[in-house]
């Protein structure tokens, strides 16, 4: 039964607006500065600091996943969660004065700045270390730079398919800069070109060894396939994803969880599971506490975010699909309503939420679905290959299911992504980048929140915070928003 104190404690804002300042000058984590990076030991410390900044409530310990889920149609905040960042995400309460951006501007830019300092130090040529070791660190920093630009672009720039990337994206930071540099915004197309180029530079530098909590060559290649898909470069998306799938199939370093072990891959004691190409690592001593995604979603935590009734009905259509087991239902003792909960971030017991869950940025199942979606968009020459990748995921869910060529549509692929990737921060972006309309009405949807959202709704992207125009008054704001 829910306790009334949840309503009181959750009125405190999870995310401070100060994190919208450019380059986030005072993050809640420390990292070695460029002046301190003089040895390979310093580089290693700086790399760990970079990942610590990712493992923040303001980024991959909460905000990035919440943004991609609750702005869509499959997850929503509960009525008692109005003080949490998921609520303004869901209700699209965004303005230049109060961006409610969850730190998704300042935090990535701070990581980018520090990552470029790492690259600069390595490129100085004064490190007494092996070339392979330094190359791997340099590759990790470059991959982080690309990932951060990509995530900001998804939040602040219109989807590439809307206008071929002609609209404004985010400022590209392509070198180590100081706090007194304020780059102008680049177009969405220019941002994608930079992200792709940076990942292409990173991949050959990176080790292929499994490096838990860090980006390796396989993770960077998976991210590259996702980036290609987002900017409509479907041939490159298919080739990159399919080549990665086949290589991993051969060497077995990463592999799909079986039907029997599907739920176990999300268990708290199964961190860095066989599908996890890149996970944000948390431990018993280093974690986001009650502000992390797992506590926010757990029924005996804040229960701040639940599955929508529509998604629950969608998942229940096939009771024999193993993914039906990622959802359970609880009754609220106050309003006597039933709520569907996601079990991808379990606690130490059914009634004990955990603080130390890992959060998966990209896993192998998504790579199969990237290949399937790209193949569907490429047409008949790719149908057989696309169906093979799609049906691998479909039949892993329920061995008796199979998608025929006549049913190989974009909507069918998106349905499979919906079922497979719920709670992993994809649904909103998947619908938006494909020009679909997000429909949220009925069930327990909040009255007053937008019921239909598509890429013509100006609030489908975040506003640039008004503080940024103090630094760079000529920087363009996103259409529909003012600068105040």
Protein backbone atom coordinates (compact mmCIF):
# COMPACT_ATOMS: atom_id res chain seq x y z
CA UNK A 1 0.00 0.00 0.00
CA UNK A 2 1.32 3.46 -0.82
CA UNK A 3 2.16 5.73 2.08
CA UNK A 4 1.12 9.37 2.25
CA UNK A 5 4.71 10.48 2.91
CA UNK A 6 5.53 9.72 -0.73
CA UNK A 7 3.32 12.63 -1.75
CA UNK A 8 5.11 14.99 0.62
CA UNK A 9 8.71 13.99 -0.06
CA UNK A 10 8.27 14.02 -3.80
CA UNK A 11 7.44 17.71 -3.91
CA UNK A 12 11.20 18.43 -3.82
CA UNK A 13 12.52 18.94 -7.34
CA UNK A 14 14.83 16.19 -8.45
CA UNK A 15 16.85 18.27 -10.86
CA UNK A 16 18.14 21.79 -10.34
CA UNK A 17 17.75 24.35 -13.12
CA UNK A 18 21.36 25.48 -12.65
CA UNK A 19 22.46 22.50 -14.70
CA UNK A 20 21.19 24.29 -17.81
CA UNK A 21 24.19 26.63 -17.63
CA UNK A 22 26.55 26.18 -20.53
CA UNK A 23 29.25 23.60 -19.74
CA UNK A 24 27.73 23.06 -16.27
CA UNK A 25 30.51 24.72 -14.32
CA UNK A 26 29.85 22.98 -11.00
CA UNK A 27 28.71 19.39 -11.55
CA UNK A 28 28.04 16.95 -8.75
CA UNK A 29 31.12 14.92 -9.63
CA UNK A 30 34.79 15.70 -9.94
CA UNK A 31 37.19 15.13 -12.79
CA UNK A 32 40.81 15.87 -13.42
CA UNK A 33 41.34 19.17 -15.24
CA UNK A 34 43.55 19.51 -18.29
CA UNK A 35 46.30 21.06 -16.16
CA UNK A 36 46.41 17.94 -13.98
CA UNK A 37 46.53 15.38 -16.81
CA UNK A 38 50.25 14.76 -17.10
CA UNK A 39 50.55 10.98 -16.82
CA UNK A 40 48.71 7.89 -17.95
CA UNK A 41 47.51 7.52 -14.36
CA UNK A 42 45.92 10.96 -14.60
CA UNK A 43 44.29 9.96 -17.88
CA UNK A 44 42.79 6.90 -16.25
CA UNK A 45 41.41 9.02 -13.39
CA UNK A 46 39.98 11.50 -15.89
CA UNK A 47 38.33 8.71 -17.89
CA UNK A 48 36.69 7.35 -14.73
CA UNK A 49 35.56 10.87 -13.88
CA UNK A 50 33.99 11.17 -17.32
CA UNK A 51 31.87 8.07 -16.72
CA UNK A 52 31.01 9.30 -13.23
CA UNK A 53 29.53 12.40 -14.83
CA UNK A 54 27.44 10.18 -17.08
CA UNK A 55 26.30 8.27 -14.00
CA UNK A 56 24.36 11.26 -12.75
CA UNK A 57 20.70 11.86 -12.06
CA UNK A 58 21.04 14.70 -14.56
CA UNK A 59 21.95 12.29 -17.36
CA UNK A 60 21.99 8.50 -17.56
CA UNK A 61 20.98 7.68 -14.00
CA UNK A 62 17.56 9.22 -14.67
CA UNK A 63 16.97 12.17 -17.02
CA UNK A 64 17.91 10.66 -20.39
CA UNK A 65 15.76 7.58 -19.88
CA UNK A 66 12.83 9.51 -18.41
CA UNK A 67 12.88 12.00 -21.27
CA UNK A 68 12.73 9.26 -23.90
CA UNK A 69 9.98 7.33 -22.12
CA UNK A 70 7.46 9.60 -20.40
CA UNK A 71 7.19 12.02 -23.32
CA UNK A 72 5.90 9.09 -25.37
CA UNK A 73 2.84 6.89 -25.01
CA UNK A 74 4.11 3.91 -23.00
CA UNK A 75 5.13 5.44 -19.66
CA UNK A 76 3.81 8.29 -17.53
CA UNK A 77 4.26 9.85 -14.09
CA UNK A 78 1.82 9.07 -11.32
CA UNK A 79 -0.44 11.81 -9.99
CA UNK A 80 1.50 11.99 -6.71
CA UNK A 81 4.80 12.59 -8.59
CA UNK A 82 4.15 16.20 -9.57
CA UNK A 83 7.36 17.39 -7.92
CA UNK A 84 9.57 15.09 -9.97
CA UNK A 85 11.29 15.87 -13.28
CA UNK A 86 9.27 13.21 -15.09
CA UNK A 87 6.16 15.33 -14.61
CA UNK A 88 7.22 18.39 -16.65
CA UNK A 89 8.67 16.03 -19.23
CA UNK A 90 5.26 14.38 -19.55
CA UNK A 91 3.31 17.64 -19.53
CA UNK A 92 5.82 19.44 -21.80
CA UNK A 93 6.21 22.28 -19.30
CA UNK A 94 9.15 23.86 -21.08
CA UNK A 95 10.09 27.50 -21.53
CA UNK A 96 13.30 29.48 -21.82
CA UNK A 97 12.78 30.81 -18.28
CA UNK A 98 12.03 27.35 -16.83
CA UNK A 99 13.43 24.80 -19.29
CA UNK A 100 12.68 21.73 -17.12
CA UNK A 101 15.40 20.10 -19.19
CA UNK A 102 16.60 17.71 -16.52
CA UNK A 103 20.23 18.74 -16.94
CA UNK A 104 20.31 17.49 -20.54
CA UNK A 105 22.20 20.57 -21.72
CA UNK A 106 24.76 21.40 -19.07
CA UNK A 107 25.72 17.88 -18.04
CA UNK A 108 26.55 16.53 -21.53
CA UNK A 109 28.49 19.70 -22.34
CA UNK A 110 30.52 19.38 -19.17
CA UNK A 111 31.40 15.80 -20.14
CA UNK A 112 32.35 16.96 -23.65
CA UNK A 113 34.66 19.63 -22.27
CA UNK A 114 36.44 17.17 -20.00
CA UNK A 115 36.65 14.51 -22.70
CA UNK A 116 38.36 16.98 -25.04
CA UNK A 117 40.83 17.79 -22.26
CA UNK A 118 41.68 14.09 -22.10
CA UNK A 119 42.21 13.97 -25.88
CA UNK A 120 44.37 17.09 -25.73
CA UNK A 121 46.55 15.63 -23.00
CA UNK A 122 47.02 12.36 -24.87
CA UNK A 123 47.81 14.20 -28.10
CA UNK A 124 50.56 16.14 -26.34
CA UNK A 125 52.77 13.08 -26.85
CA UNK A 126 54.26 13.26 -23.36
CA UNK A 127 52.66 10.15 -21.87
CA UNK A 128 54.86 7.21 -20.89
CA UNK A 129 52.46 4.45 -21.88
CA UNK A 130 51.83 2.00 -24.68
CA UNK A 131 50.20 3.23 -27.86
CA UNK A 132 47.35 0.72 -27.52
CA UNK A 133 46.52 1.89 -24.00
CA UNK A 134 46.52 5.56 -24.95
CA UNK A 135 44.56 4.85 -28.13
CA UNK A 136 41.86 3.11 -26.13
CA UNK A 137 41.54 6.01 -23.69
CA UNK A 138 41.46 8.47 -26.57
CA UNK A 139 38.79 6.37 -28.29
CA UNK A 140 36.65 6.29 -25.16
CA UNK A 141 36.84 10.07 -24.84
CA UNK A 142 35.90 10.58 -28.49
CA UNK A 143 33.01 8.13 -28.25
CA UNK A 144 31.71 9.97 -25.18
CA UNK A 145 31.95 13.27 -27.07
CA UNK A 146 29.89 11.78 -29.90
CA UNK A 147 27.31 10.24 -27.56
CA UNK A 148 26.80 13.49 -25.64
CA UNK A 149 26.35 15.53 -28.84
CA UNK A 150 23.90 12.92 -30.13
CA UNK A 151 21.80 12.91 -26.96
CA UNK A 152 21.58 16.71 -26.90
CA UNK A 153 20.70 16.74 -30.58
CA UNK A 154 17.81 14.37 -29.95
CA UNK A 155 16.45 16.68 -27.25
CA UNK A 156 17.11 20.12 -28.76
CA UNK A 157 17.03 19.54 -32.51
CA UNK A 158 14.12 18.53 -34.74
CA UNK A 159 14.31 15.04 -36.23
CA UNK A 160 16.47 14.82 -39.34
CA UNK A 161 13.59 13.46 -41.43
CA UNK A 162 11.45 16.54 -40.76
CA UNK A 163 13.47 18.81 -43.06
CA UNK A 164 16.59 16.90 -44.05
CA UNK A 165 18.56 18.30 -41.14
CA UNK A 166 18.24 21.97 -42.15
CA UNK A 167 16.91 23.17 -38.77
CA UNK A 168 19.04 24.16 -35.80
CA UNK A 169 20.74 21.48 -33.78
CA UNK A 170 23.18 22.14 -30.93
CA UNK A 171 26.56 23.89 -30.72
CA UNK A 172 29.35 21.58 -31.85
CA UNK A 173 32.36 21.52 -29.53
CA UNK A 174 35.17 20.08 -31.64
CA UNK A 175 38.20 20.92 -29.48
CA UNK A 176 39.23 21.59 -25.89
CA UNK A 177 37.65 24.91 -24.99
CA UNK A 178 37.66 27.19 -21.98
CA UNK A 179 34.69 28.53 -20.06
CA UNK A 180 34.87 31.77 -22.02
CA UNK A 181 34.11 30.13 -25.38
CA UNK A 182 30.47 29.93 -26.44
CA UNK A 183 30.04 28.12 -29.77
CA UNK A 184 27.08 28.95 -32.00
CA UNK A 185 24.42 26.39 -32.88
CA UNK A 186 25.01 24.17 -35.89
CA UNK A 187 22.36 22.61 -38.09
CA UNK A 188 21.04 19.15 -37.36
CA UNK A 189 22.79 17.84 -40.48
CA UNK A 190 26.11 19.36 -39.43
CA UNK A 191 25.74 17.82 -35.98
CA UNK A 192 25.10 14.37 -37.42
CA UNK A 193 28.14 14.69 -39.69
CA UNK A 194 30.29 15.60 -36.69
CA UNK A 195 28.92 12.77 -34.53
CA UNK A 196 29.49 10.20 -37.27
CA UNK A 197 33.00 11.47 -38.00
CA UNK A 198 33.89 11.39 -34.31
CA UNK A 199 32.63 7.82 -33.85
CA UNK A 200 34.44 6.72 -36.99
CA UNK A 201 37.64 8.16 -35.54
CA UNK A 202 37.04 6.50 -32.18
CA UNK A 203 36.21 2.97 -33.32
CA UNK A 204 39.63 1.87 -34.65
CA UNK A 205 41.28 3.24 -31.51
CA UNK A 206 39.06 1.30 -29.12
CA UNK A 207 39.77 -2.12 -27.71
CA UNK A 208 37.37 -4.94 -28.52
CA UNK A 209 37.85 -6.38 -25.03
CA UNK A 210 34.84 -6.32 -22.76
CA UNK A 211 35.32 -3.36 -20.44
CA UNK A 212 32.40 -3.19 -18.02
CA UNK A 213 31.02 0.29 -17.54
CA UNK A 214 33.14 1.65 -20.40
CA UNK A 215 32.70 2.11 -24.13
CA UNK A 216 34.59 -0.42 -26.24
CA UNK A 217 34.74 -0.84 -30.02
CA UNK A 218 31.57 -2.94 -30.15
CA UNK A 219 29.57 -0.40 -28.14
CA UNK A 220 30.81 2.45 -30.35
CA UNK A 221 29.84 0.54 -33.50
CA UNK A 222 26.37 -0.11 -32.07
CA UNK A 223 26.01 3.60 -31.28
CA UNK A 224 27.13 4.45 -34.80
CA UNK A 225 24.42 2.22 -36.27
CA UNK A 226 21.85 4.04 -34.13
CA UNK A 227 23.13 7.43 -35.27
CA UNK A 228 22.93 6.37 -38.93
CA UNK A 229 19.33 5.27 -38.40
CA UNK A 230 18.37 8.59 -36.85
CA UNK A 231 19.73 10.58 -39.79
CA UNK A 232 18.14 8.42 -42.48
CA UNK A 233 21.39 6.87 -43.68
CA UNK A 234 19.70 3.49 -43.76
CA UNK A 235 22.25 1.63 -45.88
CA UNK A 236 25.02 2.59 -43.47
CA UNK A 237 22.77 1.76 -40.50
CA UNK A 238 22.01 -1.68 -41.89
CA UNK A 239 25.60 -2.45 -42.86
CA UNK A 240 27.02 -1.30 -39.51
CA UNK A 241 24.41 -3.17 -37.46
CA UNK A 242 24.45 -6.38 -39.51
CA UNK A 243 28.25 -6.57 -39.58
CA UNK A 244 28.35 -6.14 -35.82
CA UNK A 245 25.67 -8.80 -35.31
CA UNK A 246 27.48 -11.33 -37.48
CA UNK A 247 30.85 -10.65 -35.85
CA UNK A 248 29.44 -11.07 -32.36
CA UNK A 249 27.61 -14.20 -33.47
CA UNK A 250 30.96 -15.63 -34.50
CA UNK A 251 33.04 -14.68 -31.48
CA UNK A 252 30.34 -15.00 -28.80
CA UNK A 253 31.64 -12.08 -26.75
CA UNK A 254 28.12 -10.63 -26.55
CA UNK A 255 24.97 -12.61 -27.33
CA UNK A 256 21.21 -12.35 -27.05
CA UNK A 257 19.61 -13.59 -23.87
CA UNK A 258 17.55 -16.70 -24.52
CA UNK A 259 13.82 -16.94 -23.97
CA UNK A 260 14.48 -18.81 -20.74
CA UNK A 261 16.99 -16.22 -19.49
CA UNK A 262 15.27 -13.10 -20.81
CA UNK A 263 14.01 -11.78 -17.47
CA UNK A 264 17.22 -12.79 -15.70
CA UNK A 265 19.25 -10.37 -17.81
CA UNK A 266 17.63 -7.51 -15.88
CA UNK A 267 18.27 -9.01 -12.44
CA UNK A 268 20.16 -6.88 -9.94
CA UNK A 269 22.76 -9.64 -9.54
CA UNK A 270 23.28 -9.90 -13.32
CA UNK A 271 24.97 -6.61 -14.11
CA UNK A 272 26.85 -6.41 -17.41
CA UNK A 273 24.75 -9.21 -18.86
CA UNK A 274 25.43 -10.84 -22.23
CA UNK A 275 23.51 -8.18 -24.20
CA UNK A 276 24.84 -5.09 -22.43
CA UNK A 277 27.18 -3.41 -24.90
CA UNK A 278 27.45 -0.30 -22.72
CA UNK A 279 26.03 0.11 -19.24
CA UNK A 280 26.24 2.94 -16.74
CA UNK A 281 27.67 1.29 -13.64
CA UNK A 282 26.46 1.93 -10.10
CA UNK A 283 27.63 0.24 -6.92
CA UNK A 284 26.61 -0.03 -3.28
CA UNK A 285 28.94 2.88 -2.47
CA UNK A 286 28.52 4.99 -5.61
CA UNK A 287 24.94 5.41 -6.78
CA UNK A 288 22.24 8.07 -7.20
CA UNK A 289 20.27 7.00 -4.13
CA UNK A 290 16.59 7.86 -4.20
CA UNK A 291 17.03 10.06 -7.27
CA UNK A 292 17.97 7.13 -9.51
CA UNK A 293 15.73 5.55 -12.11
CA UNK A 294 15.22 2.32 -10.18
CA UNK A 295 13.94 4.03 -7.04
CA UNK A 296 11.73 6.35 -9.07
CA UNK A 297 10.08 3.39 -10.83
CA UNK A 298 9.85 0.94 -7.94
CA UNK A 299 6.46 0.58 -6.27
CA UNK A 300 8.05 0.61 -2.82
CA UNK A 301 10.26 3.50 -3.79
CA UNK A 302 8.66 6.65 -5.19
CA UNK A 303 6.50 4.83 -7.77
CA UNK A 304 6.85 8.07 -9.72
CA UNK A 305 6.72 6.49 -13.20
CA UNK A 306 4.47 3.66 -14.36
CA UNK A 307 3.49 1.95 -17.60
CA UNK A 308 0.44 3.39 -19.31
CA UNK A 309 -2.75 1.38 -19.51
CA UNK A 310 -2.41 1.41 -23.30
CA UNK A 311 1.00 -0.21 -23.13
CA UNK A 312 -0.21 -2.70 -20.56
CA UNK A 313 -3.03 -3.73 -22.89
CA UNK A 314 -0.58 -3.93 -25.78
CA UNK A 315 1.74 -6.24 -23.83
CA UNK A 316 -1.13 -8.43 -22.65
CA UNK A 317 -2.19 -9.24 -26.22
CA UNK A 318 0.28 -12.11 -26.23
CA UNK A 319 0.37 -13.74 -22.79
CA UNK A 320 2.94 -16.27 -24.06
CA UNK A 321 5.52 -13.65 -24.96
CA UNK A 322 8.24 -13.74 -22.29
CA UNK A 323 8.33 -9.95 -22.29
CA UNK A 324 4.91 -9.99 -20.66
CA UNK A 325 6.86 -10.83 -17.51
CA UNK A 326 8.62 -7.45 -17.38
CA UNK A 327 5.31 -5.97 -16.22
CA UNK A 328 3.45 -6.49 -12.98
CA UNK A 329 0.39 -4.81 -11.50
CA UNK A 330 -0.06 -3.22 -8.08
CA UNK A 331 -3.02 -1.55 -6.44
CA UNK A 332 -2.66 1.85 -4.82
CA UNK A 333 -4.10 1.82 -1.33
CA UNK A 334 -5.21 5.44 -1.59
CA UNK A 335 -7.18 5.65 -4.83
CA UNK A 336 -7.76 1.88 -5.20
CA UNK A 337 -6.59 2.02 -8.82
CA UNK A 338 -4.32 -0.54 -10.42
CA UNK A 339 -0.99 0.50 -11.92
CA UNK A 340 1.25 -1.41 -14.30
CA UNK A 341 4.91 -1.37 -13.27
CA UNK A 342 8.07 -2.12 -15.19
CA UNK A 343 10.40 -4.74 -13.69
CA UNK A 344 13.57 -3.95 -15.64
CA UNK A 345 15.07 -2.18 -12.62
CA UNK A 346 14.32 -4.54 -9.73
CA UNK A 347 15.18 -4.09 -6.08
CA UNK A 348 16.88 -6.40 -3.62
CA UNK A 349 13.43 -7.81 -2.83
CA UNK A 350 9.91 -7.27 -4.12
CA UNK A 351 9.25 -4.60 -1.49
CA UNK A 352 12.82 -3.23 -1.25
CA UNK A 353 13.98 -0.91 -4.06
CA UNK A 354 17.65 -0.74 -4.93
CA UNK A 355 19.93 2.25 -5.44
CA UNK A 356 22.68 0.40 -7.30
CA UNK A 357 21.06 -0.81 -10.53
CA UNK A 358 23.06 -0.44 -13.71
CA UNK A 359 21.42 1.36 -16.64
CA UNK A 360 21.93 0.10 -20.17
CA UNK A 361 22.70 2.73 -22.79
CA UNK A 362 22.70 0.22 -25.64
CA UNK A 363 22.23 -3.53 -25.80
CA UNK A 364 22.42 -6.11 -28.54
CA UNK A 365 18.65 -6.51 -29.01
CA UNK A 366 18.47 -2.91 -30.20
CA UNK A 367 21.16 -3.57 -32.81
CA UNK A 368 19.01 -6.36 -34.30
CA UNK A 369 16.05 -3.96 -34.42
CA UNK A 370 18.18 -1.22 -35.99
CA UNK A 371 19.14 -3.64 -38.75
CA UNK A 372 15.48 -4.65 -39.19
CA UNK A 373 14.21 -1.07 -39.37
CA UNK A 374 16.92 0.04 -41.78
CA UNK A 375 16.24 -2.99 -43.98
CA UNK A 376 12.51 -2.27 -44.07
CA UNK A 377 13.19 1.28 -45.19
CA UNK A 378 15.67 0.12 -47.85
CA UNK A 379 13.05 -2.00 -49.60
CA UNK A 380 12.63 -5.43 -51.14
CA UNK A 381 16.31 -6.21 -51.70
CA UNK A 382 16.78 -6.18 -47.93
CA UNK A 383 13.52 -7.83 -46.89
CA UNK A 384 14.92 -11.31 -46.25
CA UNK A 385 17.79 -10.03 -44.15
CA UNK A 386 15.58 -7.58 -42.28
CA UNK A 387 13.02 -10.26 -41.49
CA UNK A 388 15.75 -12.57 -40.25
CA UNK A 389 16.90 -9.97 -37.72
CA UNK A 390 13.37 -8.99 -36.74
CA UNK A 391 12.21 -12.57 -36.29
CA UNK A 392 15.21 -13.35 -34.12
CA UNK A 393 13.80 -10.90 -31.59
CA UNK A 394 10.15 -11.84 -32.21
CA UNK A 395 10.76 -15.57 -31.75
CA UNK A 396 12.99 -15.06 -28.77
CA UNK A 397 9.94 -13.42 -27.18
CA UNK A 398 7.55 -16.17 -28.27
CA UNK A 399 8.96 -19.08 -30.32
CA UNK A 400 5.54 -19.63 -31.91
CA UNK A 401 5.42 -16.16 -33.49
CA UNK A 402 6.79 -15.25 -36.90
CA UNK A 403 6.54 -12.14 -39.07
CA UNK A 404 5.83 -12.82 -42.76
CA UNK A 405 7.11 -10.61 -45.58
CA UNK A 406 3.63 -9.18 -46.14
CA UNK A 407 3.61 -7.90 -42.56
CA UNK A 408 7.13 -6.44 -42.66
CA UNK A 409 6.13 -2.81 -42.21
CA UNK A 410 7.65 0.09 -40.32
CA UNK A 411 4.79 -0.02 -37.83
CA UNK A 412 5.48 -3.71 -37.18
CA UNK A 413 9.14 -2.98 -36.48
CA UNK A 414 8.24 -0.05 -34.23
CA UNK A 415 5.82 -2.29 -32.33
CA UNK A 416 8.65 -4.73 -31.70
CA UNK A 417 10.92 -1.90 -30.55
CA UNK A 418 8.09 -0.78 -28.28
CA UNK A 419 7.83 -4.19 -26.68
CA UNK A 420 11.55 -4.86 -26.46
CA UNK A 421 12.94 -1.48 -25.40
CA UNK A 422 10.28 -0.09 -23.05
CA UNK A 423 11.86 1.77 -20.15
CA UNK A 424 15.18 2.16 -21.96
CA UNK A 425 14.54 5.67 -23.25
CA UNK A 426 13.52 5.07 -26.89
CA UNK A 427 9.78 5.29 -27.52
CA UNK A 428 9.41 9.08 -27.79
CA UNK A 429 12.38 9.37 -30.13
CA UNK A 430 11.25 6.39 -32.22
CA UNK A 431 7.86 7.93 -32.96
CA UNK A 432 9.13 11.47 -33.40
CA UNK A 433 12.00 10.63 -35.80
CA UNK A 434 9.60 8.62 -37.98
CA UNK A 435 7.03 11.41 -38.25
CA UNK A 436 4.45 9.54 -36.17
CA UNK A 437 1.88 11.13 -33.90
CA UNK A 438 2.06 10.24 -30.23
CA UNK A 439 -1.44 9.71 -28.82
CA UNK A 440 -1.99 9.89 -25.05
CA UNK A 441 -5.57 9.95 -23.87
CA UNK A 442 -7.90 7.83 -21.75
CA UNK A 443 -6.71 5.41 -19.11
CA UNK A 444 -4.90 7.29 -16.36
CA UNK A 445 -3.38 9.97 -18.59
CA UNK A 446 -3.09 13.32 -16.85
CA UNK A 447 -5.72 15.85 -17.82
CA UNK A 448 -4.19 18.99 -19.26
CA UNK A 449 -1.14 17.23 -20.68
CA UNK A 450 -0.81 17.20 -24.47
CA UNK A 451 -2.86 14.35 -25.92
CA UNK A 452 -1.25 14.35 -29.36
CA UNK A 453 2.36 15.24 -30.13
CA UNK A 454 4.26 15.17 -33.40
CA UNK A 455 7.19 17.01 -34.93
CA UNK A 456 4.96 19.97 -35.83
CA UNK A 457 4.31 20.70 -32.14
CA UNK A 458 6.93 23.28 -31.19
CA UNK A 459 7.43 21.80 -27.74
CA UNK A 460 8.49 18.46 -29.20
CA UNK A 461 12.02 19.82 -28.71
CA UNK A 462 13.42 21.59 -25.67
CA UNK A 463 14.02 25.34 -25.56
CA UNK A 464 17.47 26.82 -25.14
CA UNK A 465 17.54 28.22 -21.60
CA UNK A 466 17.49 32.00 -21.29
CA UNK A 467 20.82 31.94 -19.44
CA UNK A 468 22.51 30.84 -22.66
CA UNK A 469 21.56 34.09 -24.36
CA UNK A 470 23.45 36.02 -21.70
CA UNK A 471 26.59 34.32 -23.03
CA UNK A 472 25.59 34.32 -26.68
CA UNK A 473 22.66 36.69 -27.33
CA UNK A 474 22.64 36.07 -31.10
CA UNK A 475 22.23 32.31 -30.79
CA UNK A 476 18.88 31.27 -32.34
CA UNK A 477 16.11 29.92 -30.12
CA UNK A 478 13.95 26.99 -31.20
CA UNK A 479 10.78 28.08 -33.06
CA UNK A 480 7.79 28.84 -30.84
CA UNK A 481 9.89 29.67 -27.78
CA UNK A 482 11.15 33.14 -26.86
CA UNK A 483 14.48 33.92 -25.24
CA UNK A 484 13.10 35.04 -21.89
